[in-house]
Protein backbone atom coordinates (compact mmCIF):
# COMPACT_ATOMS: atom_id res chain seq x y z
CA UNK A 1 0.00 0.05 -0.35
CA UNK A 2 2.85 1.98 0.76
CA UNK A 3 4.51 2.09 -2.52
CA UNK A 4 1.64 2.60 -4.58
CA UNK A 5 0.95 6.17 -2.54
CA UNK A 6 4.58 6.22 -2.95
CA UNK A 7 3.95 5.99 -6.73
CA UNK A 8 1.52 8.46 -6.80
CA UNK A 9 3.58 11.17 -4.67
CA UNK A 10 6.16 10.51 -7.18
CA UNK A 11 3.62 11.02 -10.30
CA UNK A 12 2.22 14.41 -8.98
CA UNK A 13 5.53 15.49 -8.56
CA UNK A 14 7.11 14.44 -12.45
CA UNK A 15 3.29 16.49 -13.24
CA UNK A 16 4.13 19.54 -11.62
CA UNK A 17 7.28 19.34 -12.67
CA UNK A 18 6.16 19.75 -16.07
CA UNK A 19 3.61 22.19 -15.88
CA UNK A 20 6.01 24.21 -14.17
CA UNK A 21 7.94 23.92 -17.40
CA UNK A 22 5.60 24.40 -19.58
CA UNK A 23 4.70 27.75 -17.63
CA UNK A 24 8.21 28.43 -18.32
CA UNK A 25 8.43 27.74 -22.30
CA UNK A 26 4.55 29.33 -22.48
CA UNK A 27 6.12 32.33 -21.16
CA UNK A 28 8.77 32.10 -23.10
CA UNK A 29 6.93 32.24 -26.46
CA UNK A 30 4.81 35.05 -25.32
CA UNK A 31 7.64 37.23 -24.84
CA UNK A 32 9.50 36.06 -28.17
CA UNK A 33 5.74 36.57 -29.47
CA UNK A 34 5.66 40.03 -28.27
CA UNK A 35 9.16 40.54 -29.67
CA UNK A 36 8.35 39.08 -32.70
CA UNK A 37 5.06 41.63 -33.04
CA UNK A 38 6.79 44.58 -32.03
CA UNK A 39 9.77 43.71 -34.63
CA UNK A 40 6.63 43.40 -37.27
CA UNK A 41 5.68 46.46 -36.36
CA UNK A 42 8.99 48.25 -36.31
CA UNK A 43 9.43 47.14 -40.01
CA UNK A 44 6.42 47.12 -41.45
CA UNK A 45 6.40 51.19 -40.11
CA UNK A 46 9.93 51.14 -42.17
CA UNK A 47 8.52 49.71 -45.10
CA UNK A 48 5.46 52.17 -44.89
CA UNK A 49 8.24 54.89 -44.52
CA UNK A 50 10.62 53.50 -47.96
CA UNK A 51 7.00 53.61 -49.46
CA UNK A 52 6.69 56.65 -48.98
CA UNK A 53 9.64 58.04 -49.99
CA UNK A 54 9.89 56.08 -53.17
CA UNK A 55 6.40 56.64 -54.23
CA UNK A 56 6.89 59.99 -53.30
CA UNK A 57 10.72 60.27 -55.14
CA UNK A 58 8.95 58.00 -58.45
CA UNK A 59 6.59 61.12 -59.22
CA UNK A 60 8.57 63.79 -58.05
CA UNK A 61 10.68 63.22 -60.97
CA UNK A 62 11.56 65.72 -63.62
CA UNK A 63 11.29 62.57 -66.09
CA UNK A 64 8.56 59.87 -66.84
CA UNK A 65 9.34 56.32 -65.20
CA UNK A 66 7.30 53.39 -66.80
CA UNK A 67 7.79 49.06 -66.10
CA UNK A 68 7.33 47.73 -69.23
CA UNK A 69 6.62 43.97 -68.88
CA UNK A 70 8.25 41.99 -72.24
CA UNK A 71 4.49 41.60 -73.74
CA UNK A 72 4.53 45.39 -74.06
CA UNK A 73 2.50 46.08 -70.99
CA UNK A 74 3.23 48.81 -69.14
CA UNK A 75 2.44 47.94 -65.14
CA UNK A 76 3.79 51.24 -63.65
CA UNK A 77 3.37 54.90 -64.14
CA UNK A 78 4.64 58.07 -62.44
CA UNK A 79 2.54 61.57 -63.13
CA UNK A 80 5.12 62.64 -64.92
CA UNK A 81 4.86 60.06 -67.67
CA UNK A 82 1.24 60.47 -67.42
CA UNK A 83 1.85 63.95 -67.97
CA UNK A 84 4.50 63.79 -71.18
CA UNK A 85 2.48 62.08 -72.96
CA UNK A 86 -1.17 63.56 -72.02
CA UNK A 87 -2.38 60.75 -70.60
CA UNK A 88 -5.97 61.85 -68.21
CA UNK A 89 -6.01 58.47 -66.48
CA UNK A 90 -3.66 55.57 -66.04
CA UNK A 91 -5.74 52.02 -64.98
CA UNK A 92 -2.73 49.77 -65.06
CA UNK A 93 -1.93 47.45 -66.89
CA UNK A 94 -2.51 49.01 -70.49
CA UNK A 95 -0.68 48.27 -73.70
CA UNK A 96 2.53 50.73 -74.07
CA UNK A 97 1.41 51.27 -77.91
CA UNK A 98 -1.37 53.57 -76.23
CA UNK A 99 0.72 55.69 -75.83
CA UNK A 100 2.16 56.44 -78.74
CA UNK A 101 -0.52 56.29 -81.24
CA UNK A 102 0.09 60.12 -82.65
CA UNK A 103 3.90 58.52 -83.32
CA UNK A 104 4.81 57.85 -86.54
CA UNK A 105 5.83 54.13 -87.40
CA UNK A 106 9.16 54.75 -87.66
CA UNK A 107 9.26 56.10 -84.06
CA UNK A 108 7.24 53.73 -82.76
CA UNK A 109 9.58 50.67 -84.23
CA UNK A 110 12.83 52.12 -82.96
CA UNK A 111 11.31 52.98 -79.02
CA UNK A 112 9.93 49.93 -79.11
CA UNK A 113 13.57 47.99 -80.74
CA UNK A 114 15.76 50.14 -78.76
CA UNK A 115 18.22 48.11 -76.80
CA UNK A 116 19.09 48.77 -73.44
CA UNK A 117 21.09 51.95 -72.47
CA UNK A 118 20.10 53.28 -75.67
CA UNK A 119 18.65 56.30 -76.17
CA UNK A 120 15.69 57.54 -78.98
CA UNK A 121 13.84 60.40 -79.90
CA UNK A 122 9.94 59.69 -80.73
CA UNK A 123 8.14 62.66 -81.89
CA UNK A 124 4.41 62.89 -81.33
CA UNK A 125 2.31 64.94 -83.22
CA UNK A 126 -0.27 66.28 -80.29
CA UNK A 127 -0.53 69.50 -79.38
CA UNK A 128 1.68 71.05 -78.88
CA UNK A 129 4.25 68.80 -80.70
CA UNK A 130 6.54 67.11 -78.44
CA UNK A 131 9.40 65.46 -78.71
CA UNK A 132 10.51 62.92 -76.19
CA UNK A 133 13.66 60.65 -75.74
CA UNK A 134 13.25 57.55 -74.19
CA UNK A 135 16.02 55.39 -72.62
CA UNK A 136 15.54 51.62 -71.29
CA UNK A 137 17.00 50.19 -68.85
CA UNK A 138 16.69 46.78 -67.73
CA UNK A 139 15.08 46.11 -64.45
CA UNK A 140 14.24 42.02 -64.00
CA UNK A 141 14.21 39.26 -66.30
CA UNK A 142 12.17 39.96 -69.11
CA UNK A 143 10.79 43.55 -67.44
CA UNK A 144 12.07 46.73 -68.43
CA UNK A 145 12.42 50.25 -67.14
CA UNK A 146 11.93 53.17 -69.17
CA UNK A 147 12.65 56.81 -69.27
CA UNK A 148 11.31 59.87 -70.52
CA UNK A 149 12.31 63.28 -70.71
CA UNK A 150 11.18 66.41 -72.39
CA UNK A 151 13.08 67.73 -75.27
CA UNK A 152 11.12 70.11 -77.35
CA UNK A 153 11.93 73.45 -75.46
CA UNK A 154 15.77 72.03 -75.81
CA UNK A 155 15.70 70.87 -79.58
CA UNK A 156 13.70 74.12 -79.99
CA UNK A 157 16.48 75.84 -78.50
CA UNK A 158 18.78 74.28 -80.28
CA UNK A 159 17.28 75.26 -83.99
CA UNK A 160 17.40 78.88 -82.70
CA UNK A 161 21.37 78.65 -81.97
CA UNK A 162 21.50 77.14 -85.50
CA UNK A 163 19.76 80.21 -87.40
CA UNK A 164 21.74 82.19 -85.28
CA UNK A 165 24.99 80.95 -86.13
CA UNK A 166 23.79 80.57 -89.49
CA UNK A 167 22.60 84.20 -89.62
CA UNK A 168 26.17 84.86 -88.49
CA UNK A 169 28.03 82.94 -90.78
CA UNK A 170 26.30 84.69 -93.73
CA UNK A 171 26.88 88.02 -92.06
CA UNK A 172 30.55 87.21 -92.36
CA UNK A 173 30.34 85.89 -95.90
CA UNK A 174 28.88 89.07 -96.78
CA UNK A 175 31.88 91.06 -95.31
CA UNK A 176 33.90 88.79 -97.46
CA UNK A 177 31.80 88.76 -100.47
CA UNK A 178 32.12 92.51 -100.53
CA UNK A 179 36.05 92.12 -99.90
CA UNK A 180 35.92 90.17 -103.12
CA UNK A 181 33.60 92.77 -104.92
CA UNK A 182 36.12 95.28 -104.05
CA UNK A 183 38.82 93.89 -105.43
CA UNK A 184 38.00 93.57 -108.86
CA UNK A 185 35.94 96.92 -108.78
CA UNK A 186 39.15 98.35 -108.02
CA UNK A 187 41.24 96.73 -110.66
CA UNK A 188 38.54 97.67 -113.27
CA UNK A 189 38.90 101.67 -112.49
CA UNK A 190 42.71 101.07 -113.39
CA UNK A 191 42.50 99.22 -116.21
CA UNK A 192 39.79 101.83 -117.42
CA UNK A 193 42.05 104.71 -116.24
CA UNK A 194 44.93 102.81 -118.71
CA UNK A 195 42.81 102.59 -121.50
CA UNK A 196 42.02 106.64 -121.81
CA UNK A 197 46.07 106.93 -122.03
CA UNK A 198 47.23 107.85 -125.33
CA UNK A 199 50.06 106.11 -127.74
CA UNK A 200 48.86 103.11 -126.18
CA UNK A 201 49.33 100.36 -128.79
CA UNK A 202 46.96 97.94 -130.35
CA UNK A 203 48.21 94.54 -128.72
CA UNK A 204 47.93 97.15 -124.95
CA UNK A 205 44.13 98.13 -125.29
CA UNK A 206 43.01 94.28 -126.28
CA UNK A 207 45.33 93.46 -122.72
CA UNK A 208 43.81 96.48 -120.77
CA UNK A 209 40.20 95.63 -122.58
CA UNK A 210 40.65 91.71 -121.79
CA UNK A 211 41.32 92.30 -118.42
CA UNK A 212 37.93 94.67 -117.87
CA UNK A 213 36.00 91.89 -118.87
CA UNK A 214 38.07 89.28 -116.17
CA UNK A 215 37.45 91.56 -113.53
CA UNK A 216 33.60 92.02 -114.98
CA UNK A 217 32.98 88.25 -115.34
CA UNK A 218 34.54 87.31 -111.86
CA UNK A 219 32.05 90.06 -109.98
CA UNK A 220 29.52 88.14 -112.12
CA UNK A 221 30.24 84.90 -110.70
CA UNK A 222 30.86 86.59 -107.23
CA UNK A 223 26.43 88.10 -107.77
CA UNK A 224 25.44 84.72 -109.03
CA UNK A 225 26.91 82.70 -105.97
CA UNK A 226 25.26 85.18 -103.58
CA UNK A 227 21.66 84.45 -105.68
CA UNK A 228 22.55 80.36 -105.63
CA UNK A 229 22.74 80.79 -101.86
CA UNK A 230 19.39 82.66 -101.62
CA UNK A 231 17.00 80.32 -103.90
CA UNK A 232 17.07 77.18 -105.88
CA UNK A 233 18.53 77.27 -108.95
CA UNK A 234 16.41 77.09 -111.71
CA UNK A 235 18.04 74.34 -114.91
CA UNK A 236 17.06 74.53 -118.53
CA UNK A 237 18.53 71.04 -119.87
CA UNK A 238 19.76 71.00 -122.89
CA UNK A 239 21.95 67.95 -124.99
CA UNK A 240 25.74 69.22 -124.89
CA UNK A 241 29.08 67.69 -124.25
CA UNK A 242 30.97 68.37 -121.11
CA UNK A 243 34.72 68.64 -122.98
CA UNK A 244 33.51 72.06 -125.67
CA UNK A 245 32.43 73.50 -122.12
CA UNK A 246 35.20 72.76 -119.96
CA UNK A 247 36.90 73.83 -122.51
CA UNK A 248 35.58 76.56 -123.54
CA UNK A 249 35.92 77.80 -119.82
CA UNK A 250 39.12 77.32 -119.53
CA UNK A 251 39.75 79.37 -122.88
CA UNK A 252 38.17 81.99 -121.24
CA UNK A 253 40.33 82.18 -117.92
CA UNK A 254 43.31 81.75 -119.54
CA UNK A 255 44.27 85.40 -119.69
CA UNK A 256 44.27 85.24 -115.71
CA UNK A 257 45.82 82.04 -115.48
CA UNK A 258 48.94 83.78 -117.90
CA UNK A 259 49.54 86.73 -115.28
CA UNK A 260 49.15 83.88 -112.74
CA UNK A 261 52.25 82.10 -114.88
CA UNK A 262 49.69 78.74 -114.35
CA UNK A 263 50.04 76.13 -116.91
CA UNK A 264 46.33 75.14 -118.44
CA UNK A 265 46.24 71.60 -120.35
CA UNK A 266 43.31 70.00 -121.57
CA UNK A 267 42.78 66.26 -122.63
CA UNK A 268 38.75 65.68 -124.38
CA UNK A 269 38.43 63.09 -125.07
CA UNK A 270 33.65 62.55 -124.34
CA UNK A 271 32.35 61.65 -126.93
CA UNK A 272 28.73 61.40 -125.68
CA UNK A 273 26.25 64.17 -125.37
CA UNK A 274 24.58 64.37 -121.97
CA UNK A 275 21.29 66.19 -120.43
CA UNK A 276 22.00 69.27 -118.68
CA UNK A 277 22.00 73.13 -117.73
CA UNK A 278 24.84 74.46 -120.20
CA UNK A 279 25.36 78.04 -118.71
CA UNK A 280 24.83 76.14 -114.97
CA UNK A 281 27.68 73.57 -115.65
CA UNK A 282 29.47 76.44 -117.23
CA UNK A 283 29.04 78.16 -113.32
CA UNK A 284 30.08 75.10 -112.12
CA UNK A 285 33.94 74.71 -113.97
CA UNK A 286 34.49 78.17 -113.46
CA UNK A 287 33.87 77.61 -109.19
CA UNK A 288 36.36 74.96 -109.78
CA UNK A 289 39.28 76.63 -111.69
CA UNK A 290 38.86 79.39 -108.98
CA UNK A 291 39.59 76.85 -106.34
CA UNK A 292 42.08 75.22 -108.26
CA UNK A 293 44.26 78.82 -108.70
CA UNK A 294 43.72 79.37 -105.05
CA UNK A 295 45.20 76.45 -104.18
CA UNK A 296 48.43 77.17 -106.39
CA UNK A 297 51.52 79.46 -105.65
CA UNK A 298 52.82 81.67 -108.66
CA UNK A 299 52.99 78.68 -111.27
CA UNK A 300 51.42 75.61 -111.25
CA UNK A 301 49.62 73.26 -113.91
CA UNK A 302 45.83 72.96 -114.14
CA UNK A 303 44.97 69.89 -115.91
CA UNK A 304 41.43 69.87 -117.66
CA UNK A 305 40.02 66.02 -118.64
CA UNK A 306 37.09 64.09 -119.72
CA UNK A 307 36.54 61.10 -120.82
CA UNK A 308 33.53 58.28 -121.19
CA UNK A 309 32.81 55.31 -118.48
CA UNK A 310 30.02 52.91 -119.15
CA UNK A 311 26.57 54.77 -118.65
CA UNK A 312 28.34 57.83 -117.13
CA UNK A 313 30.84 61.11 -118.51
CA UNK A 314 32.93 62.65 -116.77
CA UNK A 315 34.49 65.53 -116.21
CA UNK A 316 38.01 66.87 -114.47
CA UNK A 317 39.61 69.85 -113.06
CA UNK A 318 42.88 68.95 -111.13
CA UNK A 319 45.54 70.89 -109.78
CA UNK A 320 49.24 70.47 -108.31
CA UNK A 321 48.43 72.67 -105.35
CA UNK A 322 49.16 71.97 -101.53
CA UNK A 323 45.73 69.63 -101.78
CA UNK A 324 43.67 69.46 -98.62
CA UNK A 325 44.13 67.78 -95.44
CA UNK A 326 41.76 64.81 -94.81
CA UNK A 327 39.93 66.43 -91.90
CA UNK A 328 38.66 68.98 -93.71
CA UNK A 329 37.86 66.97 -96.77
CA UNK A 330 34.07 66.49 -95.76
CA UNK A 331 33.72 70.03 -95.30
CA UNK A 332 34.75 71.65 -98.60
CA UNK A 333 31.27 72.20 -99.67
CA UNK A 334 30.30 74.08 -96.32
CA UNK A 335 29.00 77.39 -97.26
CA UNK A 336 31.65 79.41 -95.16
CA UNK A 337 34.46 77.23 -95.30
CA UNK A 338 37.50 77.62 -96.86
CA UNK A 339 40.91 76.89 -96.97
CA UNK A 340 42.40 79.64 -99.14
CA UNK A 341 43.53 82.85 -97.45
CA UNK A 342 41.27 85.32 -97.91
CA UNK A 343 38.48 82.76 -99.53
CA UNK A 344 34.64 83.27 -99.22
CA UNK A 345 33.97 79.86 -99.03
CA UNK A 346 31.23 80.06 -101.30
CA UNK A 347 32.16 78.88 -104.54
CA UNK A 348 32.44 75.04 -103.55
CA UNK A 349 29.00 75.16 -101.58
CA UNK A 350 27.76 76.61 -105.08
CA UNK A 351 29.46 73.97 -107.10
CA UNK A 352 27.91 71.58 -104.36
CA UNK A 353 24.26 72.95 -104.91
CA UNK A 354 24.61 73.41 -108.48
CA UNK A 355 25.49 69.94 -108.96
CA UNK A 356 22.60 68.30 -107.13
CA UNK A 357 20.07 70.57 -109.23
CA UNK A 358 21.80 68.73 -112.22
CA UNK A 359 21.15 65.88 -111.21
CA UNK A 360 25.30 64.46 -111.19
CA UNK A 361 27.90 63.74 -108.86
CA UNK A 362 30.43 65.32 -107.40
CA UNK A 363 33.92 63.59 -106.38
CA UNK A 364 36.99 64.68 -104.70
CA UNK A 365 40.65 63.49 -104.93
CA UNK A 366 43.40 65.24 -103.07
CA UNK A 367 46.91 64.20 -101.01
CA UNK A 368 49.16 66.81 -98.87
CA UNK A 369 51.41 68.39 -101.10
CA UNK A 370 50.25 66.26 -104.16
CA UNK A 371 47.34 68.64 -105.20
CA UNK A 372 43.61 67.58 -105.83
CA UNK A 373 40.94 66.94 -108.20
CA UNK A 374 37.52 67.59 -108.68
CA UNK A 375 35.24 65.45 -110.92
CA UNK A 376 32.16 65.99 -112.09
CA UNK A 377 29.95 62.17 -112.70
CA UNK A 378 26.70 62.50 -115.59
CA UNK A 379 24.69 60.09 -115.87
CA UNK A 380 25.03 59.18 -119.76
CA UNK A 381 21.15 58.23 -121.75
CA UNK A 382 20.37 58.16 -125.65
CA UNK A 383 18.65 61.49 -127.14
CA UNK A 384 14.95 60.17 -126.18
CA UNK A 385 15.67 57.79 -123.68
CA UNK A 386 14.28 59.38 -120.41
């Protein structure tokens, strides 16, 4: 009987110990839960603050931000982007193509196909028209971020700057043209006064008259060049041989070349007529010859050549002057650019404009210290061929 009572006492002690341990563990779990709940509350508040800051930052960015998935669905857009695309409401998600309804097809295709970190401009024809600079970056997986900036005002400012630069360049050209006109006028006055002197031989009178004619032709070329800068050249097409026009132009300038002791030679081997404007062609050749003269020191050699090739006829004006440095060869046809001291930079700009008007091409070949060659390439067709 005592043994049974002893076992009961032992069991009661064990139960008391187990209950005590349970209470201790429950207290520990409750304390841990309270600590965890407090930490969760802190983290939730911190997350809420972070979300608030990120949302505020996103909405107050001066550029538009969109998140786009692989299927071109916009899953996030800020207010700046809505304003740039003139979107009243944005019910997410929506197709990004809906924002590009006013953009041209090439703009849409180029923008959507652009690689990450590459910038693409799109032009929207809304009211007012806008120019947007779009740049993609990878977010995660197939999602991408599109950053959009309105560069309309910047592009307009750049255009105004270009207009101002063009006006400034025209002012400089006008001053140079005035200087270029003044020099022939002085020479004309000199030769005209010499013609009034007594005792001149017939040959001297002819030479002075020829010098006056050259000066007048020089003035006429300068005036024609200025007119060509302000209007589209009028083309009157006829069938002519390039060689005959080039040879005639060279002969008209031969007295001036002789004064500069420049040797002029020609080889005219073209046999086919081309459809072009002979007057504009003379102006082109005059400018090319004048450019060659400016590239030569006292003396030198200018060579005029024409020849046929399959489907085209070529005319060449070549000199053995100083040549054109490599870094300037892309600029020679720009108005106002000149390597010649005191040059206006009009001659070759006019040449390019006239060549384009005639539907021909011009090729440049130059080597420093060896000379320069300009080749006019005209397509050749049989008379009556369309």
